[in-house]
Amino acid sequence: MRYERKYRIEAMDHHAVRAIVDGHPVSFRKLFPDRQVNNIYLDTRDMSFFRENLSGLAQRRKYRVRWYGADLLNISAPILEIKIKDTELGEKVSAPLPDFSMGSFTPLREAVGQRLRELAEAAPALAFPAVASVEESADIQRVPFPVQDLVPSLLNTYKRAYLISNDGRFRLTIDREMRFYGINHHFRPYRNFSPDHAVVVEVKYEAEHDQFYDGIGQYLPFRLGKNSKYVNGVLLTGNV
């Protein structure tokens, strides 16, 4: 499992942030070319996974479909991703999906269901996680839920820069130009989007390297915190 240390920066543009990162003593270098990242988040109809993340449960997860590039209607090379968090540590399970087009959720639902059934052969909890059920008393109970019933809850896009430390232990990403779209009942994103002008820096590394993180963080003059694009996007679009 790995750590993801997140910094949300609202007082600088991405050029200023990149200049600080470029001056870091560990000599971060470009890992991949910058590209646009797109995600469709999947949730229960009562937004259980959103509420798990909003309430800060120690054990939580997110389901999303990710692809790259500018096309938001005809999707090529999508990937199903399941992000699993246990307190500060997390892992990501990924599986390829067939190409699809926005406008009908049925083909994507069937493909996601098939991939989850395949993953469940090795890890049943991936297909039938426990999700939070928040009662009026605000007490949280864990109840089983079949993920085949997931529905699209949010689309987001952003530009990402990829860097890696000179020793290869720490990966750093810089996200900018974040946009969030509600998704209508025809499985199409609304024309209008909600922008987020912040810059998000994430430092990712395996748990075994945590003892060395102070040498990274002390040269990043940003406030370390918790930043969930999914939670921010749902709140910005009012899709809850």
Foldseek 3Di string as FASTA:
>chain_A
DKFKWKFWFDPDAVVVQVVLVCPAPLRKDFDDDKWKKKKFWWAAPVRQQLVCVVVVPQWGKTWIKMATDDDPFWGQFIKIWIWIGHRRDIDIDIDTFHIDGFQDCVRVLVRVLVVQVVVCVVPVCSQWPFTWDQDPVRDTDTDTDGSSNIDTAKMKMWIKTWIAGPVRFKIKMKTAFIWIFGADPSRDTDPDIQTDGIIMMIIMGHPVCVVVCVSVVVSNPGDTDDDDPVNVRCVRVVRD
